[in-house]
Amino acid sequence: MSDAVRVHHILDGSDDAPALVMSNSLGSTLDVWDGQIPALAPHFRVVRYDLRGHGGSPVPPGPYGIEDLGADVLHLLDRLEVASAHLCGLSLGGMVAMWLAANAPDRVGRLVLCCTSPRFEPATMWRERAATVRAQGTHAVADAVVGRWFTPGFSHACPDVVAGMRTMIATTPSEGYAACCDLLARTDLLTALPAIHARTLAIAGAEDPAAPPAMAQLIAGAIPDCRMAIVEGAAHLANVERPDAVSALILEHLLDAHTEEDP
């Protein structure tokens, strides 16, 4: 497995506010959270970063393990001198957040798990996608992927947003994308969820074909202190399709009655 890498990040909000780390999905960059910043930055020191192999972050050779992506976040927190932070993860980023909460609980405040799952099946699909990307590049899968990210209604109403997201996928480094596909084929965090003691919110898009509401229900049933919320009219990138609704859910969860254990 690779050592921790120095991931690209940007900061929003006040330096003395509680830290909130936001982890993005496979094939996206930290820009996927743009719609949340106006709501979150007044309350948090928002730390957005690109997963290894994505955006402005390094592209180390694979294989990658979920522990490697988790170590990248811990390295980032150390660089920023942040003892603990709330975590908000989207899809693959949600898996990273779950791994961190189970394996580095002292570094984690509260969790928001958005459009994610403890496992993404079938494994063969991810291996096939990795092979396609290595052979043809990420542009070869961009149309199919963006088709799962948004509902047909949103795609029709907001073609410019969808086109920008397609470009985001198509310009992701091939090896970084493929190595993360291989990671998804191997990763199953279900047995780790009962070890998570962070207060957790699992958000699902009602029309998400990749991580349907049943996956949020699975997470909520396995993490001791977890509730779920369903965002209507949204597919896999609910935070982009329904930014105000998702931002409101995040704020409600993170600002509700902080305890001494929270950052």
C-alpha atoms as a PDB file:
ATOM      1  CA  MET A   1       0.000   0.000   0.000  1.00  0.00           C
ATOM      2  CA  SER A   2       1.051   3.585  -0.576  1.00  0.00           C
ATOM      3  CA  ASP A   3       2.219   5.945   2.142  1.00  0.00           C
ATOM      4  CA  ALA A   4       0.126   9.013   2.965  1.00  0.00           C
ATOM      5  CA  VAL A   5       0.323  11.687   0.282  1.00  0.00           C
ATOM      6  CA  ARG A   6       0.129  15.462   0.561  1.00  0.00           C
ATOM      7  CA  VAL A   7      -3.335  16.014  -0.881  1.00  0.00           C
ATOM      8  CA  HIS A   8      -4.399  19.288  -2.447  1.00  0.00           C
ATOM      9  CA  HIS A   9      -6.813  21.255  -0.265  1.00  0.00           C
ATOM     10  CA  ILE A  10      -8.484  24.626   0.171  1.00  0.00           C
ATOM     11  CA  LEU A  11      -9.882  26.298   3.279  1.00  0.00           C
ATOM     12  CA  ASP A  12     -13.034  28.357   3.790  1.00  0.00           C
ATOM     13  CA  GLY A  13     -14.319  29.990   6.952  1.00  0.00           C
ATOM     14  CA  SER A  14     -12.645  31.201  10.124  1.00  0.00           C
ATOM     15  CA  ASP A  15      -9.451  29.592  11.390  1.00  0.00           C
ATOM     16  CA  ASP A  16     -10.847  29.442  14.929  1.00  0.00           C
ATOM     17  CA  ALA A  17     -14.117  27.731  13.969  1.00  0.00           C
ATOM     18  CA  PRO A  18     -14.652  23.964  14.378  1.00  0.00           C
ATOM     19  CA  ALA A  19     -13.037  22.052  11.524  1.00  0.00           C
ATOM     20  CA  LEU A  20     -15.169  20.253   8.949  1.00  0.00           C
ATOM     21  CA  VAL A  21     -13.397  18.053   6.407  1.00  0.00           C
ATOM     22  CA  MET A  22     -15.297  17.349   3.184  1.00  0.00           C
ATOM     23  CA  SER A  23     -14.320  14.332   1.105  1.00  0.00           C
ATOM     24  CA  ASN A  24     -15.507  13.959  -2.473  1.00  0.00           C
ATOM     25  CA  SER A  25     -16.665  11.100  -4.675  1.00  0.00           C
ATOM     26  CA  LEU A  26     -14.870   8.973  -7.229  1.00  0.00           C
ATOM     27  CA  GLY A  27     -14.272  11.051 -10.342  1.00  0.00           C
ATOM     28  CA  SER A  28     -14.902  14.444  -8.753  1.00  0.00           C
ATOM     29  CA  THR A  29     -12.805  17.197  -7.215  1.00  0.00           C
ATOM     30  CA  LEU A  30     -13.268  19.413  -4.182  1.00  0.00           C
ATOM     31  CA  ASP A  31     -15.353  21.726  -6.394  1.00  0.00           C
ATOM     32  CA  VAL A  32     -18.240  19.276  -5.990  1.00  0.00           C
ATOM     33  CA  TRP A  33     -18.890  20.950  -2.620  1.00  0.00           C
ATOM     34  CA  ASP A  34     -19.190  24.500  -4.001  1.00  0.00           C
ATOM     35  CA  GLY A  35     -22.920  24.563  -3.305  1.00  0.00           C
ATOM     36  CA  GLN A  36     -22.375  23.913   0.407  1.00  0.00           C
ATOM     37  CA  ILE A  37     -19.767  26.580   1.137  1.00  0.00           C
ATOM     38  CA  PRO A  38     -22.092  29.609   1.488  1.00  0.00           C
ATOM     39  CA  ALA A  39     -24.057  27.787   4.202  1.00  0.00           C
ATOM     40  CA  LEU A  40     -21.176  26.044   5.979  1.00  0.00           C
ATOM     41  CA  ALA A  41     -18.333  28.578   5.935  1.00  0.00           C
ATOM     42  CA  PRO A  42     -19.997  30.987   8.423  1.00  0.00           C
ATOM     43  CA  HIS A  43     -19.996  28.203  11.033  1.00  0.00           C
ATOM     44  CA  PHE A  44     -16.957  26.012  10.285  1.00  0.00           C
ATOM     45  CA  ARG A  45     -13.384  25.983   9.139  1.00  0.00           C
ATOM     46  CA  VAL A  46     -14.231  24.012   6.006  1.00  0.00           C
ATOM     47  CA  VAL A  47     -11.411  21.853   4.672  1.00  0.00           C
ATOM     48  CA  ARG A  48     -12.037  20.579   1.145  1.00  0.00           C
ATOM     49  CA  TYR A  49      -9.502  18.306  -0.491  1.00  0.00           C
ATOM     50  CA  ASP A  50      -8.988  16.163  -3.570  1.00  0.00           C
ATOM     51  CA  LEU A  51      -8.696  12.415  -3.057  1.00  0.00           C
ATOM     52  CA  ARG A  52      -5.355  10.976  -4.105  1.00  0.00           C
ATOM     53  CA  GLY A  53      -5.390  10.422  -7.844  1.00  0.00           C
ATOM     54  CA  HIS A  54      -7.932  13.222  -8.341  1.00  0.00           C
ATOM     55  CA  GLY A  55      -7.828  16.936  -9.123  1.00  0.00           C
ATOM     56  CA  GLY A  56      -4.740  18.678  -7.809  1.00  0.00           C
ATOM     57  CA  SER A  57      -3.593  15.816  -5.575  1.00  0.00           C
ATOM     58  CA  PRO A  58      -0.701  13.483  -6.401  1.00  0.00           C
ATOM     59  CA  VAL A  59      -1.336  10.293  -8.367  1.00  0.00           C
ATOM     60  CA  PRO A  60       0.775   7.633  -6.650  1.00  0.00           C
ATOM     61  CA  PRO A  61       0.916   4.201  -8.274  1.00  0.00           C
ATOM     62  CA  GLY A  62      -1.692   1.715  -7.057  1.00  0.00           C
ATOM     63  CA  PRO A  63      -2.942  -0.306  -5.435  1.00  0.00           C
ATOM     64  CA  TYR A  64      -4.778   1.988  -3.027  1.00  0.00           C
ATOM     65  CA  GLY A  65      -6.517   0.747   0.103  1.00  0.00           C
ATOM     66  CA  ILE A  66      -9.220   2.518   2.067  1.00  0.00           C
ATOM     67  CA  GLU A  67      -6.643   2.837   4.853  1.00  0.00           C
ATOM     68  CA  ASP A  68      -4.426   4.819   2.475  1.00  0.00           C
ATOM     69  CA  LEU A  69      -7.165   7.307   1.703  1.00  0.00           C
ATOM     70  CA  GLY A  70      -7.835   7.556   5.439  1.00  0.00           C
ATOM     71  CA  ALA A  71      -4.142   8.137   6.161  1.00  0.00           C
ATOM     72  CA  ASP A  72      -4.156  10.989   3.646  1.00  0.00           C
ATOM     73  CA  VAL A  73      -6.833  12.752   5.707  1.00  0.00           C
ATOM     74  CA  LEU A  74      -4.954  12.202   8.971  1.00  0.00           C
ATOM     75  CA  HIS A  75      -1.815  13.603   7.346  1.00  0.00           C
ATOM     76  CA  LEU A  76      -3.816  16.632   6.216  1.00  0.00           C
ATOM     77  CA  LEU A  77      -5.204  17.186   9.714  1.00  0.00           C
ATOM     78  CA  ASP A  78      -1.677  16.988  11.115  1.00  0.00           C
ATOM     79  CA  ARG A  79      -0.424  19.544   8.576  1.00  0.00           C
ATOM     80  CA  LEU A  80      -3.257  21.894   9.564  1.00  0.00           C
ATOM     81  CA  GLU A  81      -2.653  21.211  13.292  1.00  0.00           C
ATOM     82  CA  VAL A  82      -6.274  20.077  13.701  1.00  0.00           C
ATOM     83  CA  ALA A  83      -6.696  17.650  16.581  1.00  0.00           C
ATOM     84  CA  SER A  84     -10.172  16.500  15.530  1.00  0.00           C
ATOM     85  CA  ALA A  85     -12.730  17.426  12.898  1.00  0.00           C
ATOM     86  CA  HIS A  86     -16.229  16.709  11.758  1.00  0.00           C
ATOM     87  CA  LEU A  87     -16.258  14.654   8.552  1.00  0.00           C
ATOM     88  CA  CYS A  88     -18.630  14.918   5.604  1.00  0.00           C
ATOM     89  CA  GLY A  89     -18.070  12.373   2.855  1.00  0.00           C
ATOM     90  CA  LEU A  90     -19.788  11.827  -0.486  1.00  0.00           C
ATOM     91  CA  SER A  91     -19.891   8.312  -1.985  1.00  0.00           C
ATOM     92  CA  LEU A  92     -16.253   7.071  -1.880  1.00  0.00           C
ATOM     93  CA  GLY A  93     -15.547  10.012   0.426  1.00  0.00           C
ATOM     94  CA  GLY A  94     -18.222   8.652   2.748  1.00  0.00           C
ATOM     95  CA  MET A  95     -16.375   5.346   2.898  1.00  0.00           C
ATOM     96  CA  VAL A  96     -13.225   7.234   3.866  1.00  0.00           C
ATOM     97  CA  ALA A  97     -15.159   8.996   6.625  1.00  0.00           C
ATOM     98  CA  MET A  98     -16.554   5.688   7.920  1.00  0.00           C
ATOM     99  CA  TRP A  99     -13.085   4.135   7.958  1.00  0.00           C
ATOM    100  CA  LEU A 100     -11.663   7.094   9.879  1.00  0.00           C
ATOM    101  CA  ALA A 101     -14.478   7.082  12.438  1.00  0.00           C
ATOM    102  CA  ALA A 102     -13.929   3.375  13.079  1.00  0.00           C
ATOM    103  CA  ASN A 103     -10.127   3.440  13.118  1.00  0.00           C
ATOM    104  CA  ALA A 104      -9.186   6.918  14.368  1.00  0.00           C
ATOM    105  CA  PRO A 105     -12.139   7.860  16.604  1.00  0.00           C
ATOM    106  CA  ASP A 106     -10.147  10.422  18.583  1.00  0.00           C
ATOM    107  CA  ARG A 107      -9.694  12.504  15.406  1.00  0.00           C
ATOM    108  CA  VAL A 108     -13.400  12.531  14.479  1.00  0.00           C
ATOM    109  CA  GLY A 109     -16.264  14.654  15.803  1.00  0.00           C
ATOM    110  CA  ARG A 110     -19.525  14.033  13.985  1.00  0.00           C
ATOM    111  CA  LEU A 111     -20.147  12.290  10.676  1.00  0.00           C
ATOM    112  CA  VAL A 112     -22.241  13.155   7.638  1.00  0.00           C
ATOM    113  CA  LEU A 113     -22.390  10.277   5.159  1.00  0.00           C
ATOM    114  CA  CYS A 114     -23.858  11.461   1.886  1.00  0.00           C
ATOM    115  CA  CYS A 115     -25.012   9.097  -0.869  1.00  0.00           C
ATOM    116  CA  THR A 116     -22.684   6.341   0.221  1.00  0.00           C
ATOM    117  CA  SER A 117     -22.593   2.700   1.248  1.00  0.00           C
ATOM    118  CA  PRO A 118     -20.328   0.418   3.298  1.00  0.00           C
ATOM    119  CA  ARG A 119     -19.810  -1.533   0.053  1.00  0.00           C
ATOM    120  CA  PHE A 120     -20.519  -0.899  -3.611  1.00  0.00           C
ATOM    121  CA  GLU A 121     -21.410  -4.075  -5.448  1.00  0.00           C
ATOM    122  CA  PRO A 122     -20.809  -5.920  -7.685  1.00  0.00           C
ATOM    123  CA  ALA A 123     -17.012  -6.051  -7.483  1.00  0.00           C
ATOM    124  CA  THR A 124     -16.804  -7.213 -11.099  1.00  0.00           C
ATOM    125  CA  MET A 125     -18.300  -3.916 -12.294  1.00  0.00           C
ATOM    126  CA  TRP A 126     -15.505  -1.942 -10.630  1.00  0.00           C
ATOM    127  CA  ARG A 127     -12.794  -4.205 -12.014  1.00  0.00           C
ATOM    128  CA  GLU A 128     -14.265  -3.872 -15.501  1.00  0.00           C
ATOM    129  CA  ARG A 129     -14.488  -0.095 -15.160  1.00  0.00           C
ATOM    130  CA  ALA A 130     -10.872   0.061 -13.984  1.00  0.00           C
ATOM    131  CA  ALA A 131      -9.798  -1.944 -17.025  1.00  0.00           C
ATOM    132  CA  THR A 132     -11.763   0.325 -19.369  1.00  0.00           C
ATOM    133  CA  VAL A 133     -10.253   3.472 -17.866  1.00  0.00           C
ATOM    134  CA  ARG A 134      -6.713   2.125 -18.022  1.00  0.00           C
ATOM    135  CA  ALA A 135      -7.205   1.181 -21.668  1.00  0.00           C
ATOM    136  CA  GLN A 136      -9.227   4.161 -22.923  1.00  0.00           C
ATOM    137  CA  GLY A 137      -9.065   6.935 -20.321  1.00  0.00           C
ATOM    138  CA  THR A 138     -11.699   8.387 -18.018  1.00  0.00           C
ATOM    139  CA  HIS A 139     -13.525  10.073 -20.905  1.00  0.00           C
ATOM    140  CA  ALA A 140     -14.666   6.583 -21.940  1.00  0.00           C
ATOM    141  CA  VAL A 141     -16.854   6.245 -18.829  1.00  0.00           C
ATOM    142  CA  ALA A 142     -17.822   9.892 -18.303  1.00  0.00           C
ATOM    143  CA  ASP A 143     -21.236   9.745 -19.987  1.00  0.00           C
ATOM    144  CA  ALA A 144     -22.322   6.621 -18.124  1.00  0.00           C
ATOM    145  CA  VAL A 145     -21.117   7.949 -14.774  1.00  0.00           C
ATOM    146  CA  VAL A 146     -22.695  11.392 -15.061  1.00  0.00           C
ATOM    147  CA  GLY A 147     -25.929   9.675 -16.080  1.00  0.00           C
ATOM    148  CA  ARG A 148     -26.045   8.081 -12.625  1.00  0.00           C
ATOM    149  CA  TRP A 149     -25.105  11.267 -10.810  1.00  0.00           C
ATOM    150  CA  PHE A 150     -28.266  13.239 -11.658  1.00  0.00           C
ATOM    151  CA  THR A 151     -31.965  12.692 -12.261  1.00  0.00           C
ATOM    152  CA  PRO A 152     -33.225  13.097 -15.847  1.00  0.00           C
ATOM    153  CA  GLY A 153     -35.178  16.178 -14.831  1.00  0.00           C
ATOM    154  CA  PHE A 154     -32.083  17.933 -13.458  1.00  0.00           C
ATOM    155  CA  SER A 155     -30.012  16.949 -16.489  1.00  0.00           C
ATOM    156  CA  HIS A 156     -32.655  18.510 -18.744  1.00  0.00           C
ATOM    157  CA  ALA A 157     -33.033  21.666 -16.649  1.00  0.00           C
ATOM    158  CA  CYS A 158     -29.334  22.253 -15.899  1.00  0.00           C
ATOM    159  CA  PRO A 159     -27.306  20.997 -18.880  1.00  0.00           C
ATOM    160  CA  ASP A 160     -24.390  23.342 -18.168  1.00  0.00           C
ATOM    161  CA  VAL A 161     -23.943  21.931 -14.654  1.00  0.00           C
ATOM    162  CA  VAL A 162     -24.067  18.375 -15.970  1.00  0.00           C
ATOM    163  CA  ALA A 163     -21.589  19.198 -18.743  1.00  0.00           C
ATOM    164  CA  GLY A 164     -19.181  20.628 -16.180  1.00  0.00           C
ATOM    165  CA  MET A 165     -19.462  17.505 -14.068  1.00  0.00           C
ATOM    166  CA  ARG A 166     -18.868  15.327 -17.115  1.00  0.00           C
ATOM    167  CA  THR A 167     -15.683  17.279 -17.801  1.00  0.00           C
ATOM    168  CA  MET A 168     -14.662  16.752 -14.178  1.00  0.00           C
ATOM    169  CA  ILE A 169     -14.896  12.989 -14.657  1.00  0.00           C
ATOM    170  CA  ALA A 170     -13.211  13.002 -18.065  1.00  0.00           C
ATOM    171  CA  THR A 171     -10.203  14.958 -16.784  1.00  0.00           C
ATOM    172  CA  THR A 172      -9.603  12.779 -13.711  1.00  0.00           C
ATOM    173  CA  PRO A 173      -6.225  11.010 -14.049  1.00  0.00           C
ATOM    174  CA  SER A 174      -6.815   7.532 -15.416  1.00  0.00           C
ATOM    175  CA  GLU A 175      -4.609   5.675 -12.944  1.00  0.00           C
ATOM    176  CA  GLY A 176      -6.046   7.532  -9.965  1.00  0.00           C
ATOM    177  CA  TYR A 177      -9.584   6.735 -11.068  1.00  0.00           C
ATOM    178  CA  ALA A 178      -8.795   3.109 -11.898  1.00  0.00           C
ATOM    179  CA  ALA A 179      -6.932   2.503  -8.641  1.00  0.00           C
ATOM    180  CA  CYS A 180      -9.940   3.816  -6.721  1.00  0.00           C
ATOM    181  CA  CYS A 181     -12.208   1.500  -8.746  1.00  0.00           C
ATOM    182  CA  ASP A 182     -10.016  -1.413  -7.672  1.00  0.00           C
ATOM    183  CA  LEU A 183     -10.302  -0.186  -4.076  1.00  0.00           C
ATOM    184  CA  LEU A 184     -14.106  -0.185  -4.334  1.00  0.00           C
ATOM    185  CA  ALA A 185     -14.047  -3.743  -5.649  1.00  0.00           C
ATOM    186  CA  ARG A 186     -12.179  -4.868  -2.516  1.00  0.00           C
ATOM    187  CA  THR A 187     -13.731  -2.750   0.238  1.00  0.00           C
ATOM    188  CA  ASP A 188     -16.527  -3.801   2.586  1.00  0.00           C
ATOM    189  CA  LEU A 189     -16.878  -1.723   5.762  1.00  0.00           C
ATOM    190  CA  LEU A 190     -20.113  -3.235   7.059  1.00  0.00           C
ATOM    191  CA  THR A 191     -18.515  -5.110   9.963  1.00  0.00           C
ATOM    192  CA  ALA A 192     -16.659  -1.922  11.011  1.00  0.00           C
ATOM    193  CA  LEU A 193     -19.783   0.190  11.403  1.00  0.00           C
ATOM    194  CA  PRO A 194     -20.777  -0.939  14.933  1.00  0.00           C
ATOM    195  CA  ALA A 195     -17.388   0.378  16.137  1.00  0.00           C
ATOM    196  CA  ILE A 196     -18.328   3.918  15.066  1.00  0.00           C
ATOM    197  CA  HIS A 197     -19.450   5.981  18.043  1.00  0.00           C
ATOM    198  CA  ALA A 198     -19.548   9.382  16.343  1.00  0.00           C
ATOM    199  CA  ARG A 199     -22.975  10.938  16.058  1.00  0.00           C
ATOM    200  CA  THR A 200     -23.866  10.257  12.421  1.00  0.00           C
ATOM    201  CA  LEU A 201     -26.274  11.434   9.734  1.00  0.00           C
ATOM    202  CA  ALA A 202     -26.723   9.275   6.622  1.00  0.00           C
ATOM    203  CA  ILE A 203     -28.194  11.207   3.684  1.00  0.00           C
ATOM    204  CA  ALA A 204     -29.608   9.440   0.634  1.00  0.00           C
ATOM    205  CA  GLY A 205     -30.907  10.729  -2.672  1.00  0.00           C
ATOM    206  CA  ALA A 206     -34.366   9.275  -3.259  1.00  0.00           C
ATOM    207  CA  GLU A 207     -33.470   8.417  -6.865  1.00  0.00           C
ATOM    208  CA  ASP A 208     -29.838   7.392  -6.359  1.00  0.00           C
ATOM    209  CA  PRO A 209     -29.074   4.236  -8.370  1.00  0.00           C
ATOM    210  CA  ALA A 210     -25.547   3.855  -6.948  1.00  0.00           C
ATOM    211  CA  ALA A 211     -26.273   4.219  -3.212  1.00  0.00           C
ATOM    212  CA  PRO A 212     -30.050   3.977  -2.868  1.00  0.00           C
ATOM    213  CA  PRO A 213     -31.897   4.810   0.360  1.00  0.00           C
ATOM    214  CA  ALA A 214     -31.631   1.159   1.411  1.00  0.00           C
ATOM    215  CA  MET A 215     -27.884   1.704   1.860  1.00  0.00           C
ATOM    216  CA  ALA A 216     -28.466   4.664   4.174  1.00  0.00           C
ATOM    217  CA  GLN A 217     -30.902   2.492   6.089  1.00  0.00           C
ATOM    218  CA  LEU A 218     -28.228  -0.214   6.350  1.00  0.00           C
ATOM    219  CA  ILE A 219     -25.743   2.329   7.708  1.00  0.00           C
ATOM    220  CA  ALA A 220     -28.278   3.748  10.168  1.00  0.00           C
ATOM    221  CA  GLY A 221     -29.013   0.272  11.468  1.00  0.00           C
ATOM    222  CA  ALA A 222     -25.353  -0.588  12.000  1.00  0.00           C
ATOM    223  CA  ILE A 223     -23.918   2.625  13.515  1.00  0.00           C
ATOM    224  CA  PRO A 224     -25.158   2.982  17.113  1.00  0.00           C
ATOM    225  CA  ASP A 225     -25.896   6.743  16.996  1.00  0.00           C
ATOM    226  CA  CYS A 226     -27.098   7.329  13.453  1.00  0.00           C
ATOM    227  CA  ARG A 227     -30.184   8.738  11.792  1.00  0.00           C
ATOM    228  CA  MET A 228     -31.001   8.952   8.121  1.00  0.00           C
ATOM    229  CA  ALA A 229     -32.588  11.522   5.846  1.00  0.00           C
ATOM    230  CA  ILE A 230     -33.846  11.135   2.289  1.00  0.00           C
ATOM    231  CA  VAL A 231     -33.547  14.015  -0.183  1.00  0.00           C
ATOM    232  CA  GLU A 232     -36.348  13.929  -2.726  1.00  0.00           C
ATOM    233  CA  GLY A 233     -35.649  14.735  -6.362  1.00  0.00           C
ATOM    234  CA  ALA A 234     -31.992  13.787  -6.193  1.00  0.00           C
ATOM    235  CA  ALA A 235     -29.772  11.029  -7.512  1.00  0.00           C
ATOM    236  CA  HIS A 236     -26.155  10.242  -6.556  1.00  0.00           C
ATOM    237  CA  LEU A 237     -24.824  13.787  -6.274  1.00  0.00           C
ATOM    238  CA  ALA A 238     -27.642  15.039  -4.076  1.00  0.00           C
ATOM    239  CA  ASN A 239     -25.449  17.841  -2.749  1.00  0.00           C
ATOM    240  CA  VAL A 240     -25.157  19.274  -6.286  1.00  0.00           C
ATOM    241  CA  GLU A 241     -28.720  18.578  -7.393  1.00  0.00           C
ATOM    242  CA  ARG A 242     -30.351  19.801  -4.145  1.00  0.00           C
ATOM    243  CA  PRO A 243     -27.621  21.963  -2.552  1.00  0.00           C
ATOM    244  CA  ASP A 244     -29.861  23.923  -0.195  1.00  0.00           C
ATOM    245  CA  ALA A 245     -31.611  20.821   1.149  1.00  0.00           C
ATOM    246  CA  VAL A 246     -28.348  18.962   1.749  1.00  0.00           C
ATOM    247  CA  SER A 247     -26.664  22.006   3.314  1.00  0.00           C
ATOM    248  CA  ALA A 248     -29.594  22.441   5.692  1.00  0.00           C
ATOM    249  CA  LEU A 249     -29.363  18.799   6.774  1.00  0.00           C
ATOM    250  CA  ILE A 250     -25.612  19.098   7.366  1.00  0.00           C
ATOM    251  CA  LEU A 251     -26.020  22.255   9.431  1.00  0.00           C
ATOM    252  CA  GLU A 252     -28.850  20.827  11.498  1.00  0.00           C
ATOM    253  CA  HIS A 253     -26.799  17.758  12.324  1.00  0.00           C
ATOM    254  CA  LEU A 254     -23.521  19.503  13.116  1.00  0.00           C
ATOM    255  CA  LEU A 255     -24.922  22.478  15.031  1.00  0.00           C
ATOM    256  CA  ASP A 256     -27.452  20.600  17.137  1.00  0.00           C
ATOM    257  CA  ALA A 257     -26.413  20.637  20.829  1.00  0.00           C
ATOM    258  CA  HIS A 258     -22.656  20.217  20.679  1.00  0.00           C
ATOM    259  CA  THR A 259     -21.257  18.084  23.476  1.00  0.00           C
ATOM    260  CA  GLU A 260     -17.882  18.092  25.181  1.00  0.00           C
ATOM    261  CA  GLU A 261     -16.766  15.284  22.872  1.00  0.00           C
ATOM    262  CA  ASP A 262     -17.352  17.364  19.746  1.00  0.00           C
ATOM    263  CA  PRO A 263     -14.595  19.554  18.249  1.00  0.00           C
END
